[in-house]
PDB file of N, CA and C in Angstrom:
ATOM      1  N   MET A   1      53.841 227.793  21.656  1.00  0.00           N
ATOM      2  CA  MET A   1      53.943 228.956  22.543  1.00  0.00           C
ATOM      3  C   MET A   1      54.078 230.231  21.704  1.00  0.00           C
ATOM      4  N   GLY A   2      53.392 231.286  22.135  1.00  0.00           N
ATOM      5  CA  GLY A   2      53.502 232.564  21.440  1.00  0.00           C
ATOM      6  C   GLY A   2      54.704 233.334  21.939  1.00  0.00           C
ATOM      7  N   ASN A   3      54.998 234.416  21.265  1.00  0.00           N
ATOM      8  CA  ASN A   3      56.104 235.257  21.686  1.00  0.00           C
ATOM      9  C   ASN A   3      55.631 236.202  22.785  1.00  0.00           C
ATOM     10  N   ILE A   4      56.565 236.711  23.562  1.00  0.00           N
ATOM     11  CA  ILE A   4      56.234 237.632  24.635  1.00  0.00           C
ATOM     12  C   ILE A   4      56.762 239.007  24.249  1.00  0.00           C
ATOM     13  N   THR A   5      55.861 239.999  24.236  1.00  0.00           N
ATOM     14  CA  THR A   5      56.249 241.365  23.880  1.00  0.00           C
ATOM     15  C   THR A   5      55.965 242.279  25.060  1.00  0.00           C
ATOM     16  N   VAL A   6      56.964 243.061  25.456  1.00  0.00           N
ATOM     17  CA  VAL A   6      56.778 244.063  26.505  1.00  0.00           C
ATOM     18  C   VAL A   6      57.104 245.397  25.867  1.00  0.00           C
ATOM     19  N   ASP A   7      56.103 246.302  25.801  1.00  0.00           N
ATOM     20  CA  ASP A   7      56.301 247.527  25.043  1.00  0.00           C
ATOM     21  C   ASP A   7      57.000 248.641  25.787  1.00  0.00           C
ATOM     22  N   SER A   8      56.821 248.738  27.080  1.00  0.00           N
ATOM     23  CA  SER A   8      57.529 249.803  27.782  1.00  0.00           C
ATOM     24  C   SER A   8      57.815 249.343  29.184  1.00  0.00           C
ATOM     25  N   SER A   9      59.038 249.478  29.570  1.00  0.00           N
ATOM     26  CA  SER A   9      59.405 249.093  30.920  1.00  0.00           C
ATOM     27  C   SER A   9      60.140 250.255  31.535  1.00  0.00           C
ATOM     28  N   SER A  10      59.635 250.727  32.660  1.00  0.00           N
ATOM     29  CA  SER A  10      60.406 251.713  33.406  1.00  0.00           C
ATOM     30  C   SER A  10      60.401 251.203  34.833  1.00  0.00           C
ATOM     31  N   GLY A  11      61.523 250.688  35.249  1.00  0.00           N
ATOM     32  CA  GLY A  11      61.606 250.053  36.555  1.00  0.00           C
ATOM     33  C   GLY A  11      62.243 248.701  36.403  1.00  0.00           C
ATOM     34  N   CYS A  12      61.847 247.758  37.242  1.00  0.00           N
ATOM     35  CA  CYS A  12      62.454 246.436  37.206  1.00  0.00           C
ATOM     36  C   CYS A  12      61.593 245.500  36.379  1.00  0.00           C
ATOM     37  N   LEU A  13      62.250 244.687  35.598  1.00  0.00           N
ATOM     38  CA  LEU A  13      61.538 243.729  34.755  1.00  0.00           C
ATOM     39  C   LEU A  13      62.309 242.428  34.775  1.00  0.00           C
ATOM     40  N   LYS A  14      61.592 241.340  35.035  1.00  0.00           N
ATOM     41  CA  LYS A  14      62.230 240.034  34.968  1.00  0.00           C
ATOM     42  C   LYS A  14      61.317 239.152  34.133  1.00  0.00           C
ATOM     43  N   ALA A  15      61.820 238.618  33.046  1.00  0.00           N
ATOM     44  CA  ALA A  15      61.003 237.766  32.188  1.00  0.00           C
ATOM     45  C   ALA A  15      61.820 236.547  31.792  1.00  0.00           C
ATOM     46  N   SER A  16      61.176 235.395  31.872  1.00  0.00           N
ATOM     47  CA  SER A  16      61.857 234.163  31.507  1.00  0.00           C
ATOM     48  C   SER A  16      60.887 233.309  30.712  1.00  0.00           C
ATOM     49  N   THR A  17      61.373 232.703  29.648  1.00  0.00           N
ATOM     50  CA  THR A  17      60.515 231.855  28.834  1.00  0.00           C
ATOM     51  C   THR A  17      61.315 230.650  28.374  1.00  0.00           C
ATOM     52  N   HIS A  18      60.604 229.557  28.111  1.00  0.00           N
ATOM     53  CA  HIS A  18      61.334 228.357  27.732  1.00  0.00           C
ATOM     54  C   HIS A  18      61.638 228.333  26.234  1.00  0.00           C
ATOM     55  N   GLN A  19      60.584 228.440  25.406  1.00  0.00           N
ATOM     56  CA  GLN A  19      60.812 228.334  23.966  1.00  0.00           C
ATOM     57  C   GLN A  19      60.435 229.586  23.196  1.00  0.00           C
ATOM     58  N   SER A  20      59.719 230.501  23.825  1.00  0.00           N
ATOM     59  CA  SER A  20      59.249 231.691  23.111  1.00  0.00           C
ATOM     60  C   SER A  20      60.375 232.685  22.882  1.00  0.00           C
ATOM     61  N   ALA A  21      60.131 233.593  21.935  1.00  0.00           N
ATOM     62  CA  ALA A  21      61.032 234.726  21.739  1.00  0.00           C
ATOM     63  C   ALA A  21      60.551 235.858  22.642  1.00  0.00           C
ATOM     64  N   LEU A  22      61.486 236.663  23.123  1.00  0.00           N
ATOM     65  CA  LEU A  22      61.151 237.837  23.927  1.00  0.00           C
ATOM     66  C   LEU A  22      61.422 239.079  23.094  1.00  0.00           C
ATOM     67  N   ASP A  23      60.501 240.042  23.142  1.00  0.00           N
ATOM     68  CA  ASP A  23      60.657 241.305  22.426  1.00  0.00           C
ATOM     69  C   ASP A  23      60.339 242.401  23.432  1.00  0.00           C
ATOM     70  N   VAL A  24      61.358 243.139  23.846  1.00  0.00           N
ATOM     71  CA  VAL A  24      61.189 244.080  24.957  1.00  0.00           C
ATOM     72  C   VAL A  24      61.676 245.469  24.566  1.00  0.00           C
ATOM     73  N   TYR A  25      60.877 246.486  24.906  1.00  0.00           N
ATOM     74  CA  TYR A  25      61.305 247.883  24.739  1.00  0.00           C
ATOM     75  C   TYR A  25      61.525 248.465  26.121  1.00  0.00           C
ATOM     76  N   VAL A  26      62.696 249.040  26.351  1.00  0.00           N
ATOM     77  CA  VAL A  26      63.029 249.592  27.659  1.00  0.00           C
ATOM     78  C   VAL A  26      63.272 251.091  27.515  1.00  0.00           C
ATOM     79  N   SER A  27      62.484 251.894  28.265  1.00  0.00           N
ATOM     80  CA  SER A  27      62.657 253.345  28.167  1.00  0.00           C
ATOM     81  C   SER A  27      63.499 253.896  29.318  1.00  0.00           C
ATOM     82  N   GLN A  28      63.162 253.516  30.538  1.00  0.00           N
ATOM     83  CA  GLN A  28      63.984 253.901  31.695  1.00  0.00           C
ATOM     84  C   GLN A  28      64.034 252.639  32.525  1.00  0.00           C
ATOM     85  N   LEU A  29      65.092 252.454  33.264  1.00  0.00           N
ATOM     86  CA  LEU A  29      65.097 251.184  33.960  1.00  0.00           C
ATOM     87  C   LEU A  29      65.782 251.206  35.295  1.00  0.00           C
ATOM     88  N   GLY A  30      65.489 250.155  36.046  1.00  0.00           N
ATOM     89  CA  GLY A  30      66.257 249.804  37.222  1.00  0.00           C
ATOM     90  C   GLY A  30      67.046 248.580  36.812  1.00  0.00           C
ATOM     91  N   LYS A  31      66.427 247.408  36.993  1.00  0.00           N
ATOM     92  CA  LYS A  31      67.099 246.161  36.637  1.00  0.00           C
ATOM     93  C   LYS A  31      66.213 245.382  35.671  1.00  0.00           C
ATOM     94  N   VAL A  32      66.786 244.964  34.566  1.00  0.00           N
ATOM     95  CA  VAL A  32      66.045 244.174  33.592  1.00  0.00           C
ATOM     96  C   VAL A  32      66.787 242.857  33.409  1.00  0.00           C
ATOM     97  N   GLU A  33      66.065 241.761  33.606  1.00  0.00           N
ATOM     98  CA  GLU A  33      66.671 240.437  33.493  1.00  0.00           C
ATOM     99  C   GLU A  33      65.795 239.601  32.563  1.00  0.00           C
ATOM    100  N   LEU A  34      66.363 239.177  31.448  1.00  0.00           N
ATOM    101  CA  LEU A  34      65.594 238.452  30.430  1.00  0.00           C
ATOM    102  C   LEU A  34      66.265 237.119  30.148  1.00  0.00           C
ATOM    103  N   LYS A  35      65.461 236.078  30.037  1.00  0.00           N
ATOM    104  CA  LYS A  35      66.047 234.781  29.700  1.00  0.00           C
ATOM    105  C   LYS A  35      65.092 234.026  28.783  1.00  0.00           C
ATOM    106  N   SER A  36      65.626 233.498  27.698  1.00  0.00           N
ATOM    107  CA  SER A  36      64.860 232.615  26.834  1.00  0.00           C
ATOM    108  C   SER A  36      65.702 231.362  26.649  1.00  0.00           C
ATOM    109  N   HIS A  37      65.233 230.238  27.209  1.00  0.00           N
ATOM    110  CA  HIS A  37      66.043 229.017  27.212  1.00  0.00           C
ATOM    111  C   HIS A  37      66.317 228.508  25.799  1.00  0.00           C
ATOM    112  N   LYS A  38      65.297 228.575  24.926  1.00  0.00           N
ATOM    113  CA  LYS A  38      65.496 228.038  23.572  1.00  0.00           C
ATOM    114  C   LYS A  38      65.194 229.051  22.475  1.00  0.00           C
ATOM    115  N   GLY A  39      64.662 230.227  22.824  1.00  0.00           N
ATOM    116  CA  GLY A  39      64.301 231.220  21.815  1.00  0.00           C
ATOM    117  C   GLY A  39      65.318 232.340  21.723  1.00  0.00           C
ATOM    118  N   SER A  40      64.941 233.390  20.987  1.00  0.00           N
ATOM    119  CA  SER A  40      65.801 234.561  20.824  1.00  0.00           C
ATOM    120  C   SER A  40      65.222 235.735  21.605  1.00  0.00           C
ATOM    121  N   ILE A  41      66.036 236.767  21.792  1.00  0.00           N
ATOM    122  CA  ILE A  41      65.602 237.949  22.539  1.00  0.00           C
ATOM    123  C   ILE A  41      65.922 239.192  21.715  1.00  0.00           C
ATOM    124  N   LEU A  42      64.928 240.066  21.564  1.00  0.00           N
ATOM    125  CA  LEU A  42      65.131 241.365  20.925  1.00  0.00           C
ATOM    126  C   LEU A  42      64.939 242.421  22.000  1.00  0.00           C
ATOM    127  N   VAL A  43      65.991 243.211  22.262  1.00  0.00           N
ATOM    128  CA  VAL A  43      65.909 244.279  23.252  1.00  0.00           C
ATOM    129  C   VAL A  43      66.033 245.595  22.512  1.00  0.00           C
ATOM    130  N   LYS A  44      65.002 246.450  22.659  1.00  0.00           N
ATOM    131  CA  LYS A  44      65.045 247.784  22.056  1.00  0.00           C
ATOM    132  C   LYS A  44      65.105 248.769  23.206  1.00  0.00           C
ATOM    133  N   VAL A  45      66.020 249.720  23.116  1.00  0.00           N
ATOM    134  CA  VAL A  45      66.194 250.658  24.231  1.00  0.00           C
ATOM    135  C   VAL A  45      66.111 252.091  23.733  1.00  0.00           C
ATOM    136  N   ALA A  46      65.704 252.982  24.623  1.00  0.00           N
ATOM    137  CA  ALA A  46      65.742 254.409  24.326  1.00  0.00           C
ATOM    138  C   ALA A  46      67.207 254.795  24.163  1.00  0.00           C
ATOM    139  N   SER A  47      67.508 255.630  23.174  1.00  0.00           N
ATOM    140  CA  SER A  47      68.920 255.922  22.878  1.00  0.00           C
ATOM    141  C   SER A  47      69.630 256.656  24.015  1.00  0.00           C
ATOM    142  N   SER A  48      68.857 257.305  24.903  1.00  0.00           N
ATOM    143  CA  SER A  48      69.463 258.050  26.008  1.00  0.00           C
ATOM    144  C   SER A  48      69.643 257.191  27.261  1.00  0.00           C
ATOM    145  N   LEU A  49      69.218 255.942  27.197  1.00  0.00           N
ATOM    146  CA  LEU A  49      69.251 255.070  28.372  1.00  0.00           C
ATOM    147  C   LEU A  49      70.667 254.889  28.896  1.00  0.00           C
ATOM    148  N   GLN A  50      70.811 254.911  30.221  1.00  0.00           N
ATOM    149  CA  GLN A  50      72.104 254.623  30.837  1.00  0.00           C
ATOM    150  C   GLN A  50      72.001 253.260  31.503  1.00  0.00           C
ATOM    151  N   ALA A  51      72.877 252.354  31.125  1.00  0.00           N
ATOM    152  CA  ALA A  51      72.779 251.013  31.698  1.00  0.00           C
ATOM    153  C   ALA A  51      74.074 250.247  31.514  1.00  0.00           C
ATOM    154  N   HIS A  52      74.262 249.276  32.397  1.00  0.00           N
ATOM    155  CA  HIS A  52      75.337 248.306  32.267  1.00  0.00           C
ATOM    156  C   HIS A  52      74.737 247.105  31.542  1.00  0.00           C
ATOM    157  N   LEU A  53      75.418 246.596  30.531  1.00  0.00           N
ATOM    158  CA  LEU A  53      74.871 245.515  29.721  1.00  0.00           C
ATOM    159  C   LEU A  53      75.619 244.212  29.939  1.00  0.00           C
ATOM    160  N   GLN A  54      74.855 243.127  29.977  1.00  0.00           N
ATOM    161  CA  GLN A  54      75.470 241.802  29.954  1.00  0.00           C
ATOM    162  C   GLN A  54      74.560 240.933  29.093  1.00  0.00           C
ATOM    163  N   LEU A  55      75.016 240.677  27.875  1.00  0.00           N
ATOM    164  CA  LEU A  55      74.200 239.962  26.894  1.00  0.00           C
ATOM    165  C   LEU A  55      74.894 238.662  26.540  1.00  0.00           C
ATOM    166  N   SER A  56      74.237 237.541  26.805  1.00  0.00           N
ATOM    167  CA  SER A  56      74.882 236.274  26.467  1.00  0.00           C
ATOM    168  C   SER A  56      73.932 235.408  25.648  1.00  0.00           C
ATOM    169  N   GLY A  57      74.451 234.883  24.550  1.00  0.00           N
ATOM    170  CA  GLY A  57      73.622 234.055  23.690  1.00  0.00           C
ATOM    171  C   GLY A  57      74.473 233.258  22.730  1.00  0.00           C
ATOM    172  N   LYS A  58      73.806 232.445  21.909  1.00  0.00           N
ATOM    173  CA  LYS A  58      74.543 231.711  20.874  1.00  0.00           C
ATOM    174  C   LYS A  58      75.165 232.735  19.924  1.00  0.00           C
ATOM    175  N   GLU A  59      74.375 233.811  19.635  1.00  0.00           N
ATOM    176  CA  GLU A  59      74.900 234.958  18.888  1.00  0.00           C
ATOM    177  C   GLU A  59      74.405 236.220  19.567  1.00  0.00           C
ATOM    178  N   VAL A  60      75.209 237.274  19.537  1.00  0.00           N
ATOM    179  CA  VAL A  60      74.804 238.570  20.092  1.00  0.00           C
ATOM    180  C   VAL A  60      75.061 239.632  19.042  1.00  0.00           C
ATOM    181  N   ASP A  61      74.028 240.388  18.721  1.00  0.00           N
ATOM    182  CA  ASP A  61      74.124 241.423  17.706  1.00  0.00           C
ATOM    183  C   ASP A  61      73.759 242.766  18.320  1.00  0.00           C
ATOM    184  N   VAL A  62      74.763 243.634  18.497  1.00  0.00           N
ATOM    185  CA  VAL A  62      74.523 244.973  19.037  1.00  0.00           C
ATOM    186  C   VAL A  62      74.576 245.946  17.869  1.00  0.00           C
ATOM    187  N   ASN A  63      73.470 246.617  17.620  1.00  0.00           N
ATOM    188  CA  ASN A  63      73.386 247.548  16.496  1.00  0.00           C
ATOM    189  C   ASN A  63      74.384 248.686  16.680  1.00  0.00           C
ATOM    190  N   SER A  64      75.007 249.105  15.584  1.00  0.00           N
ATOM    191  CA  SER A  64      76.045 250.139  15.662  1.00  0.00           C
ATOM    192  C   SER A  64      75.492 251.503  16.083  1.00  0.00           C
ATOM    193  N   GLU A  65      74.161 251.695  15.999  1.00  0.00           N
ATOM    194  CA  GLU A  65      73.579 252.970  16.439  1.00  0.00           C
ATOM    195  C   GLU A  65      73.627 253.121  17.960  1.00  0.00           C
ATOM    196  N   VAL A  66      73.734 252.012  18.664  1.00  0.00           N
ATOM    197  CA  VAL A  66      73.737 252.066  20.129  1.00  0.00           C
ATOM    198  C   VAL A  66      75.143 252.433  20.588  1.00  0.00           C
ATOM    199  N   HIS A  67      75.239 253.431  21.480  1.00  0.00           N
ATOM    200  CA  HIS A  67      76.549 253.874  21.968  1.00  0.00           C
ATOM    201  C   HIS A  67      76.926 253.080  23.213  1.00  0.00           C
ATOM    202  N   VAL A  68      77.825 252.118  23.025  1.00  0.00           N
ATOM    203  CA  VAL A  68      78.254 251.281  24.146  1.00  0.00           C
ATOM    204  C   VAL A  68      79.738 251.510  24.371  1.00  0.00           C
ATOM    205  N   GLN A  69      80.075 251.914  25.608  1.00  0.00           N
ATOM    206  CA  GLN A  69      81.487 252.092  25.954  1.00  0.00           C
ATOM    207  C   GLN A  69      81.992 250.816  26.624  1.00  0.00           C
ATOM    208  N   GLU A  70      83.304 250.654  26.570  1.00  0.00           N
ATOM    209  CA  GLU A  70      83.961 249.509  27.230  1.00  0.00           C
ATOM    210  C   GLU A  70      83.330 248.189  26.793  1.00  0.00           C
ATOM    211  N   MET A  71      82.966 248.107  25.511  1.00  0.00           N
ATOM    212  CA  MET A  71      82.321 246.877  25.051  1.00  0.00           C
ATOM    213  C   MET A  71      83.356 245.771  24.959  1.00  0.00           C
ATOM    214  N   ALA A  72      83.025 244.622  25.536  1.00  0.00           N
ATOM    215  CA  ALA A  72      83.920 243.471  25.498  1.00  0.00           C
ATOM    216  C   ALA A  72      83.128 242.254  25.063  1.00  0.00           C
ATOM    217  N   LYS A  73      83.775 241.406  24.268  1.00  0.00           N
ATOM    218  CA  LYS A  73      83.111 240.206  23.763  1.00  0.00           C
ATOM    219  C   LYS A  73      83.952 239.011  24.187  1.00  0.00           C
ATOM    220  N   ALA A  74      83.309 238.045  24.834  1.00  0.00           N
ATOM    221  CA  ALA A  74      84.025 236.843  25.257  1.00  0.00           C
ATOM    222  C   ALA A  74      83.296 235.619  24.735  1.00  0.00           C
ATOM    223  N   HIS A  75      84.053 234.622  24.312  1.00  0.00           N
ATOM    224  CA  HIS A  75      83.433 233.386  23.835  1.00  0.00           C
ATOM    225  C   HIS A  75      83.421 232.378  24.975  1.00  0.00           C
ATOM    226  N   LYS A  76      82.236 231.798  25.219  1.00  0.00           N
ATOM    227  CA  LYS A  76      82.113 230.842  26.320  1.00  0.00           C
ATOM    228  C   LYS A  76      81.308 229.655  25.827  1.00  0.00           C
ATOM    229  N   ASP A  77      81.810 228.467  26.032  1.00  0.00           N
ATOM    230  CA  ASP A  77      81.170 227.244  25.534  1.00  0.00           C
ATOM    231  C   ASP A  77      80.865 227.426  24.042  1.00  0.00           C
ATOM    232  N   ASP A  78      79.585 227.343  23.640  1.00  0.00           N
ATOM    233  CA  ASP A  78      79.309 227.558  22.214  1.00  0.00           C
ATOM    234  C   ASP A  78      78.519 228.845  22.042  1.00  0.00           C
ATOM    235  N   GLY A  79      78.838 229.845  22.878  1.00  0.00           N
ATOM    236  CA  GLY A  79      78.129 231.120  22.782  1.00  0.00           C
ATOM    237  C   GLY A  79      79.047 232.310  22.973  1.00  0.00           C
ATOM    238  N   VAL A  80      78.439 233.456  23.099  1.00  0.00           N
ATOM    239  CA  VAL A  80      79.157 234.729  23.202  1.00  0.00           C
ATOM    240  C   VAL A  80      78.573 235.529  24.364  1.00  0.00           C
ATOM    241  N   ILE A  81      79.428 236.239  25.093  1.00  0.00           N
ATOM    242  CA  ILE A  81      78.950 237.158  26.132  1.00  0.00           C
ATOM    243  C   ILE A  81      79.479 238.545  25.785  1.00  0.00           C
ATOM    244  N   VAL A  82      78.579 239.506  25.665  1.00  0.00           N
ATOM    245  CA  VAL A  82      78.975 240.885  25.394  1.00  0.00           C
ATOM    246  C   VAL A  82      78.635 241.715  26.623  1.00  0.00           C
ATOM    247  N   THR A  83      79.620 242.469  27.116  1.00  0.00           N
ATOM    248  CA  THR A  83      79.371 243.368  28.238  1.00  0.00           C
ATOM    249  C   THR A  83      79.752 244.779  27.825  1.00  0.00           C
ATOM    250  N   GLY A  84      79.203 245.762  28.509  1.00  0.00           N
ATOM    251  CA  GLY A  84      79.542 247.140  28.206  1.00  0.00           C
ATOM    252  C   GLY A  84      78.692 248.111  29.000  1.00  0.00           C
ATOM    253  N   LEU A  85      78.989 249.385  28.824  1.00  0.00           N
ATOM    254  CA  LEU A  85      78.238 250.443  29.488  1.00  0.00           C
ATOM    255  C   LEU A  85      77.580 251.291  28.415  1.00  0.00           C
ATOM    256  N   MET A  86      76.291 251.512  28.553  1.00  0.00           N
ATOM    257  CA  MET A  86      75.564 252.328  27.594  1.00  0.00           C
ATOM    258  C   MET A  86      75.433 253.733  28.163  1.00  0.00           C
ATOM    259  N   ASN A  87      75.906 254.731  27.423  1.00  0.00           N
ATOM    260  CA  ASN A  87      75.831 256.139  27.850  1.00  0.00           C
ATOM    261  C   ASN A  87      76.385 256.352  29.255  1.00  0.00           C
ATOM    262  N   GLN A  88      77.561 255.807  29.507  1.00  0.00           N
ATOM    263  CA  GLN A  88      78.253 255.977  30.799  1.00  0.00           C
ATOM    264  C   GLN A  88      77.417 255.491  31.977  1.00  0.00           C
ATOM    265  N   GLY A  89      76.623 254.464  31.781  1.00  0.00           N
ATOM    266  CA  GLY A  89      75.786 253.945  32.880  1.00  0.00           C
ATOM    267  C   GLY A  89      76.644 253.415  34.015  1.00  0.00           C
ATOM    268  N   SER A  90      76.124 253.512  35.224  1.00  0.00           N
ATOM    269  CA  SER A  90      76.868 252.967  36.360  1.00  0.00           C
ATOM    270  C   SER A  90      76.453 251.509  36.547  1.00  0.00           C
ATOM    271  N   LYS A  91      77.389 250.695  36.979  1.00  0.00           N
ATOM    272  CA  LYS A  91      77.123 249.258  37.020  1.00  0.00           C
ATOM    273  C   LYS A  91      76.134 248.884  38.117  1.00  0.00           C
ATOM    274  N   GLN A  92      76.087 249.652  39.188  1.00  0.00           N
ATOM    275  CA  GLN A  92      75.328 249.208  40.346  1.00  0.00           C
ATOM    276  C   GLN A  92      73.816 249.226  40.158  1.00  0.00           C
ATOM    277  N   GLU A  93      73.256 250.399  39.849  1.00  0.00           N
ATOM    278  CA  GLU A  93      71.803 250.497  39.946  1.00  0.00           C
ATOM    279  C   GLU A  93      71.066 250.028  38.708  1.00  0.00           C
ATOM    280  N   LYS A  94      71.635 250.294  37.532  1.00  0.00           N
ATOM    281  CA  LYS A  94      70.850 250.068  36.327  1.00  0.00           C
ATOM    282  C   LYS A  94      71.562 249.092  35.417  1.00  0.00           C
ATOM    283  N   TRP A  95      70.913 247.991  35.129  1.00  0.00           N
ATOM    284  CA  TRP A  95      71.542 247.049  34.225  1.00  0.00           C
ATOM    285  C   TRP A  95      70.515 246.267  33.438  1.00  0.00           C
ATOM    286  N   ILE A  96      70.970 245.755  32.306  1.00  0.00           N
ATOM    287  CA  ILE A  96      70.168 244.876  31.468  1.00  0.00           C
ATOM    288  C   ILE A  96      70.963 243.591  31.301  1.00  0.00           C
ATOM    289  N   LYS A  97      70.364 242.487  31.716  1.00  0.00           N
ATOM    290  CA  LYS A  97      70.993 241.184  31.514  1.00  0.00           C
ATOM    291  C   LYS A  97      70.064 240.388  30.618  1.00  0.00           C
ATOM    292  N   ALA A  98      70.602 239.847  29.555  1.00  0.00           N
ATOM    293  CA  ALA A  98      69.802 239.016  28.670  1.00  0.00           C
ATOM    294  C   ALA A  98      70.575 237.735  28.383  1.00  0.00           C
ATOM    295  N   ASP A  99      69.865 236.624  28.409  1.00  0.00           N
ATOM    296  CA  ASP A  99      70.511 235.327  28.254  1.00  0.00           C
ATOM    297  C   ASP A  99      69.668 234.455  27.328  1.00  0.00           C
ATOM    298  N   ALA A 100      70.250 234.066  26.202  1.00  0.00           N
ATOM    299  CA  ALA A 100      69.564 233.191  25.243  1.00  0.00           C
ATOM    300  C   ALA A 100      70.566 232.138  24.780  1.00  0.00           C
ATOM    301  N   PRO A 101      70.782 231.094  25.597  1.00  0.00           N
ATOM    302  CA  PRO A 101      71.856 230.135  25.289  1.00  0.00           C
ATOM    303  C   PRO A 101      71.721 229.427  23.943  1.00  0.00           C
ATOM    304  N   LYS A 102      70.493 229.308  23.436  1.00  0.00           N
ATOM    305  CA  LYS A 102      70.299 228.614  22.161  1.00  0.00           C
ATOM    306  C   LYS A 102      69.877 229.570  21.038  1.00  0.00           C
ATOM    307  N   GLY A 103      69.763 230.871  21.347  1.00  0.00           N
ATOM    308  CA  GLY A 103      69.255 231.812  20.346  1.00  0.00           C
ATOM    309  C   GLY A 103      70.127 233.042  20.204  1.00  0.00           C
ATOM    310  N   THR A 104      69.600 234.010  19.467  1.00  0.00           N
ATOM    311  CA  THR A 104      70.318 235.255  19.190  1.00  0.00           C
ATOM    312  C   THR A 104      69.761 236.368  20.065  1.00  0.00           C
ATOM    313  N   ILE A 105      70.647 237.210  20.576  1.00  0.00           N
ATOM    314  CA  ILE A 105      70.203 238.429  21.250  1.00  0.00           C
ATOM    315  C   ILE A 105      70.480 239.584  20.309  1.00  0.00           C
ATOM    316  N   SER A 106      69.431 240.348  19.997  1.00  0.00           N
ATOM    317  CA  SER A 106      69.578 241.548  19.168  1.00  0.00           C
ATOM    318  C   SER A 106      69.329 242.743  20.061  1.00  0.00           C
ATOM    319  N   PHE A 107      70.242 243.695  20.032  1.00  0.00           N
ATOM    320  CA  PHE A 107      70.161 244.864  20.909  1.00  0.00           C
ATOM    321  C   PHE A 107      70.218 246.098  20.035  1.00  0.00           C
ATOM    322  N   ARG A 108      69.153 246.922  20.044  1.00  0.00           N
ATOM    323  CA  ARG A 108      69.148 248.120  19.197  1.00  0.00           C
ATOM    324  C   ARG A 108      68.442 249.270  19.882  1.00  0.00           C
ATOM    325  N   SER A 109      68.683 250.467  19.370  1.00  0.00           N
ATOM    326  CA  SER A 109      68.007 251.625  19.961  1.00  0.00           C
ATOM    327  C   SER A 109      66.738 251.918  19.187  1.00  0.00           C
ATOM    328  N   GLN A 110      65.773 252.457  19.893  1.00  0.00           N
ATOM    329  CA  GLN A 110      64.492 252.796  19.276  1.00  0.00           C
ATOM    330  C   GLN A 110      63.975 254.031  20.000  1.00  0.00           C
ATOM    331  N   SER A 111      63.529 255.011  19.258  1.00  0.00           N
ATOM    332  CA  SER A 111      63.024 256.214  19.906  1.00  0.00           C
ATOM    333  C   SER A 111      61.659 255.936  20.526  1.00  0.00           C
ATOM    334  N   TRP A 112      61.296 256.774  21.470  1.00  0.00           N
ATOM    335  CA  TRP A 112      59.982 256.646  22.101  1.00  0.00           C
ATOM    336  C   TRP A 112      58.902 256.757  21.033  1.00  0.00           C
ATOM    337  N   PHE A 113      59.118 257.629  20.072  1.00  0.00           N
ATOM    338  CA  PHE A 113      58.151 257.843  18.993  1.00  0.00           C
ATOM    339  C   PHE A 113      57.974 256.562  18.181  1.00  0.00           C
ATOM    340  N   GLN A 114      59.076 255.904  17.852  1.00  0.00           N
ATOM    341  CA  GLN A 114      59.003 254.637  17.099  1.00  0.00           C
ATOM    342  C   GLN A 114      58.270 253.572  17.909  1.00  0.00           C
ATOM    343  N   SER A 115      58.403 253.629  19.237  1.00  0.00           N
ATOM    344  CA  SER A 115      57.781 252.599  20.063  1.00  0.00           C
ATOM    345  C   SER A 115      56.264 252.700  20.030  1.00  0.00           C
ATOM    346  N   LEU A 116      55.735 253.843  19.624  1.00  0.00           N
ATOM    347  CA  LEU A 116      54.278 253.999  19.564  1.00  0.00           C
ATOM    348  C   LEU A 116      53.664 253.251  18.389  1.00  0.00           C
ATOM    349  N   LYS A 117      54.529 252.834  17.437  1.00  0.00           N
ATOM    350  CA  LYS A 117      54.069 252.086  16.268  1.00  0.00           C
ATOM    351  C   LYS A 117      52.963 252.841  15.515  1.00  0.00           C
ATOM    352  N   LEU A 118      53.165 254.124  15.309  1.00  0.00           N
ATOM    353  CA  LEU A 118      52.151 254.920  14.617  1.00  0.00           C
ATOM    354  C   LEU A 118      52.086 254.561  13.138  1.00  0.00           C
ATOM    355  N   GLN A 119      50.899 254.466  12.627  1.00  0.00           N
ATOM    356  CA  GLN A 119      50.697 254.213  11.185  1.00  0.00           C
ATOM    357  C   GLN A 119      50.287 255.510  10.529  1.00  0.00           C
ATOM    358  N   ASP A 120      50.623 255.680   9.217  1.00  0.00           N
ATOM    359  CA  ASP A 120      50.115 256.904   8.588  1.00  0.00           C
ATOM    360  C   ASP A 120      48.690 256.669   8.092  1.00  0.00           C
TER     361      ASP A 120
END
């Protein structure tokens, strides 16, 4: 199985895969729900994005460049759940949920310009 890449999401996105890795860039959002049963998930977000986060995986890596308030880390079974608010996001309308029970979730910020993948 190949990996699944979503370059820009503005609105609702739901993606689920069994063994593939997910690579998603989110610029503006409503609800984003990602699940990889056996693979890893890379979530790149616009630094100004406001969202409630719920990231659960065997490992969760939130890059220090991302501003997450009220970040909490809980250990469950043989994994980790990280929750928090990005840029004072409200919990109701906008959220990102990512679940990779057997893999790593990497969460980092990426500018819109970087998302264009421009070459010199």
